[in-house]
Amino acid sequence: MFDILFTHPDFLVINKHPNVSVHKDDGDTMLLQEVGKVSDDSQLYLVHRLDKMTSGILLLARNAQAASELSQAFAHRDVEKFYLALGSKKPKKKQGLISGDMERSRRSSWKLIASQHSPAVTQFFSAAAQPGERLFLCKPHTGKTHQIRVALKSIGSAIVGDPIYNTSNESDRGYLHAFALKFVYSGEAFQFVCDPRGKEYLGLKWNDDAVSQSIELWLEPWSLSWPSVKK
């Protein structure tokens, strides 16, 4: 269900496994309660969210004051977030910026539209993967629901195994992983990376040779040459 990656007096960093809900739904056990049993916290606070499909780094506050400070850092876009994804087709472009408003589509899905009133903004690089697939490193600058899943579909490369945006593509999981996080808390800089390779429960495709070689080059994603984006 999860691994604890780092313990701080005010927060925990966990690796959420795929297909684990952050909220109690569909009869799922409550993730925060399960983490609290291991960390001896009677109450933990959700600072940001990951989709049920998405694995990787999730930050949990251990007290209300930390929750407020960390939530504000996310709200003010002071937290650098990086995701890995596997797309199921060759994208319309190999790197760049995807920006547009998101609106409700069918059932529980969203779609990207051309207007820019309150846009979802995602930067990305991509690299070779298995034939017919593409590896993406995504840096979202906003925190919209399904943002990366919708962004990659909009450039013609919906995520491998995504049950909502790529229904005809079956895999051992939906291949979106919260890879790295960088932020400042109480004047101290923190950076975390959760490498999905070598962990069978995080998916087999991360270990493909071409994919693994690119992940190796991206282990400090904040150090890459990301073009500046207006906040």
Protein backbone atom coordinates (compact mmCIF):
# COMPACT_ATOMS: atom_id res chain seq x y z
CA MET A 1 0.00 0.00 0.00
CA PHE A 2 2.86 2.44 0.82
CA ASP A 3 6.48 2.78 1.92
CA ILE A 4 7.68 5.53 4.25
CA LEU A 5 10.60 7.26 2.50
CA PHE A 6 11.44 10.01 5.02
CA THR A 7 10.37 10.99 8.52
CA HIS A 8 10.54 14.60 9.74
CA PRO A 9 9.11 15.85 13.06
CA ASP A 10 6.50 17.81 11.08
CA PHE A 11 5.88 15.69 7.99
CA LEU A 12 6.24 12.28 6.35
CA VAL A 13 7.16 11.47 2.76
CA ILE A 14 5.66 8.23 1.50
CA ASN A 15 5.68 6.25 -1.73
CA LYS A 16 2.03 5.50 -2.46
CA HIS A 17 1.60 2.29 -4.41
CA PRO A 18 -0.54 2.31 -7.59
CA ASN A 19 -4.29 1.67 -7.29
CA VAL A 20 -4.39 2.84 -3.68
CA SER A 21 -6.95 5.56 -3.00
CA VAL A 22 -5.90 8.61 -1.00
CA HIS A 23 -9.49 8.93 0.22
CA LYS A 24 -11.77 6.27 1.59
CA ASP A 25 -13.92 5.20 -1.32
CA ASP A 26 -15.22 1.98 -2.84
CA GLY A 27 -14.62 0.25 0.48
CA ASP A 28 -10.90 1.06 0.44
CA THR A 29 -9.03 1.36 3.71
CA MET A 30 -8.09 4.91 4.67
CA LEU A 31 -4.50 5.47 3.59
CA LEU A 32 -3.70 8.12 6.20
CA GLN A 33 -4.93 5.88 9.01
CA GLU A 34 -2.79 3.01 7.74
CA VAL A 35 0.29 5.24 7.56
CA GLY A 36 -0.48 6.59 11.05
CA LYS A 37 -0.46 3.07 12.48
CA VAL A 38 3.11 2.65 11.26
CA SER A 39 4.35 6.15 12.14
CA ASP A 40 2.49 6.40 15.48
CA ASP A 41 0.58 9.49 14.38
CA SER A 42 -2.97 9.75 15.66
CA GLN A 43 -3.75 12.27 12.92
CA LEU A 44 -2.08 13.00 9.58
CA TYR A 45 -2.99 15.77 7.16
CA LEU A 46 -3.18 15.49 3.39
CA VAL A 47 -1.17 18.36 1.87
CA HIS A 48 -1.71 17.44 -1.79
CA ARG A 49 -3.29 14.53 -3.67
CA LEU A 50 -2.45 11.75 -6.09
CA ASP A 51 -4.97 9.94 -8.26
CA LYS A 52 -5.72 6.36 -7.28
CA MET A 53 -3.87 5.17 -10.40
CA THR A 54 -0.78 7.27 -9.64
CA SER A 55 2.09 5.97 -7.53
CA GLY A 56 4.95 7.81 -5.90
CA ILE A 57 5.76 10.67 -3.57
CA LEU A 58 3.01 11.91 -1.28
CA LEU A 59 3.68 14.46 1.46
CA LEU A 60 1.72 14.12 4.72
CA ALA A 61 1.81 16.72 7.49
CA ARG A 62 2.00 15.55 11.12
CA ASN A 63 0.36 18.60 12.71
CA ALA A 64 -2.05 21.37 11.71
CA GLN A 65 0.57 24.12 11.56
CA ALA A 66 2.79 22.12 9.21
CA ALA A 67 -0.26 21.24 7.12
CA SER A 68 -1.07 24.94 6.72
CA GLU A 69 2.49 25.94 5.80
CA LEU A 70 2.98 23.09 3.33
CA SER A 71 -0.48 23.53 1.77
CA GLN A 72 0.28 27.22 1.19
CA ALA A 73 3.58 26.29 -0.47
CA PHE A 74 1.67 24.09 -2.93
CA ALA A 75 -1.02 26.73 -3.45
CA HIS A 76 1.59 29.42 -4.18
CA ARG A 77 3.43 27.09 -6.59
CA ASP A 78 6.57 27.13 -4.46
CA VAL A 79 6.87 23.32 -4.66
CA GLU A 80 8.60 21.78 -7.66
CA LYS A 81 6.87 18.54 -8.72
CA PHE A 82 8.08 16.02 -11.28
CA TYR A 83 6.27 12.98 -12.68
CA LEU A 84 7.25 10.07 -14.88
CA ALA A 85 4.73 8.72 -17.37
CA LEU A 86 4.66 6.23 -20.19
CA GLY A 87 2.63 7.29 -23.20
CA SER A 88 1.10 4.76 -25.56
CA LYS A 89 1.88 6.50 -28.87
CA LYS A 90 4.36 8.85 -30.47
CA PRO A 91 3.46 12.37 -29.26
CA LYS A 92 2.77 15.33 -31.54
CA LYS A 93 5.85 17.00 -30.02
CA LYS A 94 8.76 15.55 -28.03
CA GLN A 95 9.14 18.34 -25.48
CA GLY A 96 7.64 21.68 -24.61
CA LEU A 97 4.70 23.24 -22.81
CA ILE A 98 1.07 22.09 -22.68
CA SER A 99 -1.31 24.81 -21.52
CA GLY A 100 -5.06 25.20 -21.63
CA ASP A 101 -8.21 25.28 -19.56
CA MET A 102 -9.70 21.97 -18.50
CA GLU A 103 -13.40 21.23 -18.72
CA ARG A 104 -15.56 18.29 -17.82
CA SER A 105 -15.95 15.65 -20.48
CA ARG A 106 -17.75 12.30 -20.39
CA ARG A 107 -18.30 10.50 -17.08
CA SER A 108 -15.31 11.11 -14.81
CA SER A 109 -12.97 12.48 -17.46
CA TRP A 110 -11.71 15.94 -18.37
CA LYS A 111 -10.45 17.48 -21.60
CA LEU A 112 -8.05 20.27 -22.49
CA ILE A 113 -9.44 23.25 -24.42
CA ALA A 114 -7.70 26.17 -26.12
CA SER A 115 -8.81 28.96 -23.77
CA GLN A 116 -6.43 30.27 -21.09
CA HIS A 117 -8.67 31.65 -18.31
CA SER A 118 -7.27 29.40 -15.56
CA PRO A 119 -5.03 27.05 -17.52
CA ALA A 120 -3.45 23.78 -16.51
CA VAL A 121 0.25 24.26 -17.28
CA THR A 122 2.62 21.32 -17.78
CA GLN A 123 6.18 21.27 -19.09
CA PHE A 124 7.66 18.02 -20.37
CA PHE A 125 10.63 16.25 -21.86
CA SER A 126 10.33 12.83 -23.49
CA ALA A 127 12.61 9.98 -24.47
CA ALA A 128 12.53 6.62 -26.24
CA ALA A 129 10.75 3.67 -24.66
CA GLN A 130 9.52 0.33 -25.98
CA PRO A 131 8.40 0.43 -29.63
CA GLY A 132 5.14 2.34 -29.89
CA GLU A 133 5.56 3.93 -26.46
CA ARG A 134 7.22 7.11 -25.12
CA LEU A 135 8.67 8.02 -21.72
CA PHE A 136 7.77 11.45 -20.34
CA LEU A 137 9.21 13.57 -17.55
CA CYS A 138 6.52 16.09 -16.65
CA LYS A 139 6.75 19.21 -14.51
CA PRO A 140 3.25 20.51 -13.72
CA HIS A 141 3.04 24.15 -12.65
CA THR A 142 -0.57 23.86 -11.59
CA GLY A 143 -2.42 21.18 -9.66
CA LYS A 144 -5.57 20.41 -11.63
CA THR A 145 -7.43 17.11 -11.40
CA HIS A 146 -6.04 14.57 -13.92
CA GLN A 147 -3.77 17.31 -15.28
CA ILE A 148 -0.91 15.19 -16.65
CA ARG A 149 -3.22 12.45 -17.88
CA VAL A 150 -5.24 14.99 -19.89
CA ALA A 151 -2.15 16.88 -21.08
CA LEU A 152 -0.49 13.79 -22.54
CA LYS A 153 -3.70 12.67 -24.19
CA SER A 154 -3.96 16.13 -25.78
CA ILE A 155 -0.63 15.60 -27.59
CA GLY A 156 -1.67 12.17 -28.82
CA SER A 157 0.08 9.97 -26.25
CA ALA A 158 -2.41 8.89 -23.59
CA ILE A 159 -0.83 7.10 -20.63
CA VAL A 160 -0.26 3.34 -20.91
CA GLY A 161 -2.89 1.46 -18.90
CA ASP A 162 -4.93 4.56 -18.00
CA PRO A 163 -8.45 3.22 -17.30
CA ILE A 164 -10.15 6.55 -18.09
CA TYR A 165 -8.14 8.17 -20.89
CA ASN A 166 -6.80 5.07 -22.65
CA THR A 167 -9.47 2.44 -22.13
CA SER A 168 -8.38 0.16 -24.98
CA ASN A 169 -4.80 -0.04 -23.69
CA GLU A 170 -4.32 -2.76 -21.09
CA SER A 171 -1.27 -3.02 -18.86
CA ASP A 172 -0.23 -4.09 -15.37
CA ARG A 173 -0.98 -0.53 -14.16
CA GLY A 174 -1.59 3.03 -15.30
CA TYR A 175 1.93 4.34 -15.82
CA LEU A 176 2.01 7.67 -13.97
CA HIS A 177 4.45 8.07 -11.07
CA ALA A 178 5.12 11.04 -8.76
CA PHE A 179 8.89 10.96 -9.19
CA ALA A 180 10.38 13.91 -7.32
CA LEU A 181 9.54 16.82 -5.05
CA LYS A 182 11.57 19.90 -4.10
CA PHE A 183 10.50 22.54 -1.57
CA VAL A 184 11.58 24.72 1.34
CA TYR A 185 10.09 24.17 4.79
CA SER A 186 10.92 26.39 7.79
CA GLY A 187 13.94 27.76 5.95
CA GLU A 188 15.36 24.33 5.09
CA ALA A 189 15.52 22.97 1.55
CA PHE A 190 14.27 19.43 0.90
CA GLN A 191 14.37 17.30 -2.21
CA PHE A 192 13.12 13.76 -2.64
CA VAL A 193 13.24 11.26 -5.49
CA CYS A 194 11.29 8.00 -5.68
CA ASP A 195 12.87 5.83 -8.38
CA PRO A 196 10.26 3.33 -9.65
CA ARG A 197 12.80 0.91 -11.10
CA GLY A 198 13.42 -2.44 -9.48
CA LYS A 199 10.12 -2.45 -7.57
CA GLU A 200 7.78 -4.94 -9.13
CA TYR A 201 4.72 -3.47 -7.39
CA LEU A 202 5.36 -0.13 -9.18
CA GLY A 203 5.18 -1.71 -12.63
CA LEU A 204 7.44 -3.75 -14.88
CA LYS A 205 7.80 -1.28 -17.75
CA TRP A 206 10.02 1.13 -15.80
CA ASN A 207 12.74 -1.53 -16.02
CA ASP A 208 12.85 -1.69 -19.84
CA ASP A 209 16.39 -0.84 -20.97
CA ALA A 210 15.60 2.36 -22.88
CA VAL A 211 13.24 3.60 -20.15
CA SER A 212 15.70 2.81 -17.36
CA GLN A 213 18.54 4.61 -19.14
CA SER A 214 16.49 7.79 -19.41
CA ILE A 215 15.35 7.63 -15.79
CA GLU A 216 19.01 7.34 -14.81
CA LEU A 217 19.68 10.66 -16.58
CA TRP A 218 16.73 12.34 -14.85
CA LEU A 219 17.48 11.49 -11.21
CA GLU A 220 17.96 15.19 -10.42
CA PRO A 221 15.06 16.55 -12.47
CA TRP A 222 15.25 20.07 -10.95
CA SER A 223 18.77 20.39 -12.42
CA LEU A 224 17.61 19.96 -16.02
CA SER A 225 17.32 22.91 -18.39
CA TRP A 226 13.64 23.71 -17.89
CA PRO A 227 12.62 26.93 -19.73
CA SER A 228 11.21 29.52 -17.34
CA VAL A 229 7.43 29.72 -17.06
CA LYS A 230 5.46 32.66 -15.67
CA LYS A 231 3.69 31.86 -12.40
